[in-house]
Protein backbone atom coordinates (compact mmCIF):
# COMPACT_ATOMS: atom_id res chain seq x y z
CA UNK A 1 214.64 88.66 153.44
CA UNK A 2 213.75 84.99 153.93
CA UNK A 3 212.09 85.55 157.29
CA UNK A 4 210.30 88.60 155.99
CA UNK A 5 209.02 86.80 152.91
CA UNK A 6 207.92 83.82 154.97
CA UNK A 7 206.03 86.08 157.33
CA UNK A 8 204.43 88.14 154.60
CA UNK A 9 203.92 89.90 157.16
CA UNK A 10 201.00 88.66 159.17
CA UNK A 11 199.72 92.17 158.47
CA UNK A 12 196.09 92.93 157.79
CA UNK A 13 194.99 93.75 154.25
CA UNK A 14 191.41 94.78 153.76
CA UNK A 15 190.20 93.42 150.45
CA UNK A 16 186.76 93.61 148.90
CA UNK A 17 186.75 92.22 145.35
CA UNK A 18 184.12 91.87 142.68
CA UNK A 19 185.17 89.64 139.77
CA UNK A 20 183.66 88.87 136.42
CA UNK A 21 184.79 86.13 134.04
CA UNK A 22 184.76 85.85 130.28
CA UNK A 23 186.45 83.35 127.99
CA UNK A 24 189.90 84.86 128.34
CA UNK A 25 190.14 87.41 131.12
CA UNK A 26 189.16 87.97 134.72
CA UNK A 27 188.70 91.43 136.19
CA UNK A 28 188.39 92.69 139.73
CA UNK A 29 187.67 95.93 141.55
CA UNK A 30 188.81 96.14 145.14
CA UNK A 31 190.02 98.37 147.94
CA UNK A 32 193.38 97.47 149.44
CA UNK A 33 194.38 98.67 152.89
CA UNK A 34 197.69 98.29 154.72
CA UNK A 35 197.60 98.73 158.48
CA UNK A 36 200.92 97.01 159.37
CA UNK A 37 199.26 94.69 161.89
CA UNK A 38 201.29 91.75 163.15
CA UNK A 39 200.83 88.96 165.61
CA UNK A 40 202.40 90.21 168.85
CA UNK A 41 204.61 87.10 168.92
CA UNK A 42 206.23 88.37 165.73
CA UNK A 43 207.96 91.15 167.66
CA UNK A 44 210.43 88.76 169.31
CA UNK A 45 210.94 86.81 166.07
CA UNK A 46 211.29 89.46 163.39
CA UNK A 47 211.72 92.85 165.07
CA UNK A 48 214.90 94.42 166.42
CA UNK A 49 214.31 96.95 169.22
CA UNK A 50 210.60 96.89 168.26
CA UNK A 51 211.48 97.94 164.69
CA UNK A 52 211.49 96.00 161.41
CA UNK A 53 212.86 97.11 158.04
CA UNK A 54 214.12 95.70 154.77
CA UNK A 55 215.01 97.00 151.30
CA UNK A 56 211.55 95.96 150.11
CA UNK A 57 208.71 94.60 152.19
CA UNK A 58 205.03 94.01 151.53
CA UNK A 59 201.95 92.93 153.37
CA UNK A 60 200.11 91.75 150.27
CA UNK A 61 202.53 91.42 147.29
CA UNK A 62 200.88 94.50 145.79
CA UNK A 63 201.93 97.51 147.90
CA UNK A 64 205.61 97.58 148.87
CA UNK A 65 207.30 99.92 151.36
CA UNK A 66 211.02 100.52 150.99
CA UNK A 67 214.06 101.31 153.08
CA UNK A 68 217.57 102.12 151.97
CA UNK A 69 219.54 99.53 153.91
CA UNK A 70 221.93 96.60 153.53
CA UNK A 71 219.35 93.94 154.34
CA UNK A 72 216.71 92.88 156.81
CA UNK A 73 217.26 94.89 160.01
CA UNK A 74 220.78 95.75 158.84
CA UNK A 75 222.57 98.91 157.70
CA UNK A 76 219.63 101.32 157.70
CA UNK A 77 220.11 104.71 155.97
CA UNK A 78 216.62 106.04 155.20
CA UNK A 79 213.04 105.14 154.36
CA UNK A 80 210.38 103.14 156.19
CA UNK A 81 210.56 101.02 159.32
CA UNK A 82 207.58 99.10 160.71
CA UNK A 83 207.33 100.20 164.34
CA UNK A 84 205.81 98.69 167.45
CA UNK A 85 207.03 101.55 169.63
CA UNK A 86 204.99 103.49 172.13
CA UNK A 87 207.10 106.34 173.41
CA UNK A 88 207.89 107.42 176.93
CA UNK A 89 209.94 110.23 178.42
CA UNK A 90 212.90 107.85 178.45
CA UNK A 91 212.77 106.96 174.74
CA UNK A 92 216.20 107.76 173.18
CA UNK A 93 216.24 110.37 170.43
CA UNK A 94 217.34 107.94 167.71
CA UNK A 95 214.37 105.70 168.55
CA UNK A 96 211.96 108.63 169.04
CA UNK A 97 212.37 109.41 165.33
CA UNK A 98 210.44 106.20 164.55
CA UNK A 99 207.96 106.55 167.44
CA UNK A 100 204.58 108.20 166.91
CA UNK A 101 203.69 111.20 169.05
CA UNK A 102 200.11 109.90 169.29
CA UNK A 103 198.44 108.76 172.50
CA UNK A 104 198.19 105.29 170.98
CA UNK A 105 200.97 103.61 169.01
CA UNK A 106 199.13 103.13 165.70
CA UNK A 107 195.93 104.61 164.38
CA UNK A 108 192.74 103.58 166.16
CA UNK A 109 194.68 101.99 169.00
CA UNK A 110 196.61 99.51 166.84
CA UNK A 111 199.99 98.27 168.00
CA UNK A 112 201.88 98.76 164.73
CA UNK A 113 202.51 101.52 162.19
CA UNK A 114 205.35 102.77 159.98
CA UNK A 115 207.98 105.38 160.72
CA UNK A 116 209.79 107.25 157.95
CA UNK A 117 213.10 109.13 158.03
CA UNK A 118 214.56 111.09 155.13
CA UNK A 119 218.22 110.70 156.00
CA UNK A 120 219.70 109.75 152.64
CA UNK A 121 217.33 110.32 149.69
CA UNK A 122 216.51 107.17 147.79
CA UNK A 123 217.11 106.96 144.06
CA UNK A 124 213.60 106.11 142.89
CA UNK A 125 210.71 105.70 145.28
CA UNK A 126 209.56 105.00 148.82
CA UNK A 127 206.41 103.03 147.93
CA UNK A 128 206.14 100.71 144.94
CA UNK A 129 202.80 99.42 143.57
CA UNK A 130 203.20 96.13 141.70
CA UNK A 131 200.76 96.75 138.85
CA UNK A 132 202.92 94.70 136.48
CA UNK A 133 201.38 91.46 137.75
CA UNK A 134 198.16 92.38 135.89
CA UNK A 135 197.52 92.62 132.15
CA UNK A 136 195.95 96.04 132.81
CA UNK A 137 195.33 98.04 135.97
CA UNK A 138 194.05 101.38 137.23
CA UNK A 139 194.20 102.63 140.79
CA UNK A 140 193.61 105.68 142.94
CA UNK A 141 195.07 106.69 146.27
CA UNK A 142 192.35 107.12 148.90
CA UNK A 143 194.58 108.25 151.75
CA UNK A 144 196.49 107.29 154.89
CA UNK A 145 196.94 108.31 158.50
CA UNK A 146 199.78 110.66 159.43
CA UNK A 147 201.32 111.77 162.70
CA UNK A 148 204.46 113.54 163.87
CA UNK A 149 207.28 111.61 165.45
CA UNK A 150 207.85 111.73 169.18
CA UNK A 151 211.20 113.37 168.42
CA UNK A 152 209.64 116.47 166.81
CA UNK A 153 206.84 116.57 169.36
CA UNK A 154 209.44 116.83 172.12
CA UNK A 155 210.98 119.87 170.42
CA UNK A 156 207.74 121.76 170.97
CA UNK A 157 207.71 120.83 174.66
CA UNK A 158 211.31 122.01 174.93
CA UNK A 159 210.50 125.33 173.15
CA UNK A 160 212.94 124.47 170.38
CA UNK A 161 210.58 125.28 167.50
CA UNK A 162 210.85 128.96 166.61
CA UNK A 163 208.33 131.27 164.94
CA UNK A 164 208.57 130.79 161.19
CA UNK A 165 209.63 127.14 161.42
CA UNK A 166 207.80 124.45 159.48
CA UNK A 167 208.00 120.80 158.42
CA UNK A 168 206.10 119.99 155.24
CA UNK A 169 205.40 116.58 153.73
CA UNK A 170 205.31 116.49 149.93
CA UNK A 171 203.84 113.34 148.38
CA UNK A 172 204.62 112.70 144.72
CA UNK A 173 202.68 110.11 142.71
CA UNK A 174 204.27 108.67 139.57
CA UNK A 175 203.05 106.41 136.79
CA UNK A 176 205.58 104.89 134.38
CA UNK A 177 208.17 107.40 135.73
CA UNK A 178 205.92 110.36 134.91
CA UNK A 179 204.74 112.67 137.69
CA UNK A 180 200.95 112.37 138.11
CA UNK A 181 200.22 114.45 141.22
CA UNK A 182 201.91 116.28 144.06
CA UNK A 183 200.21 116.74 147.43
CA UNK A 184 201.44 118.57 150.50
CA UNK A 185 200.69 118.65 154.20
CA UNK A 186 202.27 120.66 157.01
CA UNK A 187 203.24 118.40 159.90
CA UNK A 188 204.66 121.36 161.84
CA UNK A 189 203.55 124.91 161.05
CA UNK A 190 204.72 127.95 163.00
CA UNK A 191 204.47 130.40 160.10
CA UNK A 192 201.63 132.21 161.87
CA UNK A 193 201.14 133.35 165.43
CA UNK A 194 200.30 129.86 166.68
CA UNK A 195 202.34 126.65 166.54
CA UNK A 196 200.33 123.93 164.80
CA UNK A 197 201.42 120.29 164.88
CA UNK A 198 199.86 116.93 163.98
CA UNK A 199 200.66 115.14 167.23
CA UNK A 200 197.83 112.62 167.05
CA UNK A 201 196.74 110.40 164.18
CA UNK A 202 195.00 112.33 161.42
CA UNK A 203 193.39 110.72 158.38
CA UNK A 204 194.61 112.42 155.21
CA UNK A 205 191.75 111.89 152.75
CA UNK A 206 193.08 112.40 149.24
CA UNK A 207 189.62 112.29 147.68
CA UNK A 208 188.79 115.67 149.24
CA UNK A 209 191.86 117.45 147.82
CA UNK A 210 190.99 120.43 145.65
CA UNK A 211 192.95 121.48 142.56
CA UNK A 212 194.72 118.10 142.55
CA UNK A 213 194.17 115.52 139.84
CA UNK A 214 194.63 112.02 141.24
CA UNK A 215 195.30 109.30 138.69
CA UNK A 216 196.78 105.82 138.50
CA UNK A 217 200.20 105.49 140.09
CA UNK A 218 202.84 102.80 140.46
CA UNK A 219 205.38 104.68 142.59
CA UNK A 220 205.28 107.19 145.44
CA UNK A 221 207.98 109.50 146.73
CA UNK A 222 207.89 111.21 150.14
CA UNK A 223 209.89 114.44 150.41
CA UNK A 224 210.13 116.27 153.71
CA UNK A 225 210.94 119.97 153.63
CA UNK A 226 211.92 122.12 156.60
CA UNK A 227 213.63 125.44 157.26
CA UNK A 228 214.60 124.42 160.80
CA UNK A 229 217.91 122.98 161.94
CA UNK A 230 216.14 121.36 164.89
CA UNK A 231 213.24 119.57 163.21
CA UNK A 232 214.01 116.10 161.87
CA UNK A 233 212.67 115.14 158.41
CA UNK A 234 210.55 112.28 159.73
CA UNK A 235 206.90 111.30 160.30
CA UNK A 236 204.69 108.28 160.97
CA UNK A 237 202.19 106.62 158.63
CA UNK A 238 199.39 104.09 159.08
CA UNK A 239 196.26 102.74 157.39
CA UNK A 240 197.33 103.21 153.76
CA UNK A 241 194.32 102.75 151.42
CA UNK A 242 193.94 102.69 147.62
CA UNK A 243 191.31 101.53 145.14
CA UNK A 244 192.19 99.13 142.30
CA UNK A 245 190.52 98.01 139.07
CA UNK A 246 192.51 95.25 137.38
CA UNK A 247 192.40 92.67 134.60
CA UNK A 248 194.52 89.53 134.67
């Protein structure tokens, strides 16, 4: 974790803050974005096979992405890996799980993004929001980019996705261990007459969701659901954005 903490992670965080001061407190309202961007030189220093993971890593000491593993780039079981992979026909299946199916590696042509695999469910959460550093805080999820993995995209090319098959992403938002909202998105959907897949980056705008009440959250859980023995419970994520209003 020392290297990871020292790096912190050379990733871009988009911050726009408006602060006001009184005798005792300072408050701020800002939008925080995580796009997993690194200096290209970091790949040789911190990445292993163009992938980087740790039990807990952050780009800004506010939004943390998690992996179930023994340590930095060691003993991975499930969760997030930062990826610098751009797939080819020769990409091995175990690497294709963490490779986006998109024409570009990350969203908007970026070089980095995150890959997620649900191989061994984690006990608590996959994303942790460190609201405890403030005396009070409210936030709202704005959205993030999603894309299928190269692995699942290949299954379509190989005609290994059958009518009726699906892969659904369920996103659960929690605050103080209480469930706030649940959102869902089909990454693969062959329940109708046509196979539908998200094989290029798609912005999932949470503010346009109907019949869903979005509130403050400090933890997120990603649950992948499928009825197929061929589809892997994995996907890629980029450009995570949330609004914050805090007092400290």
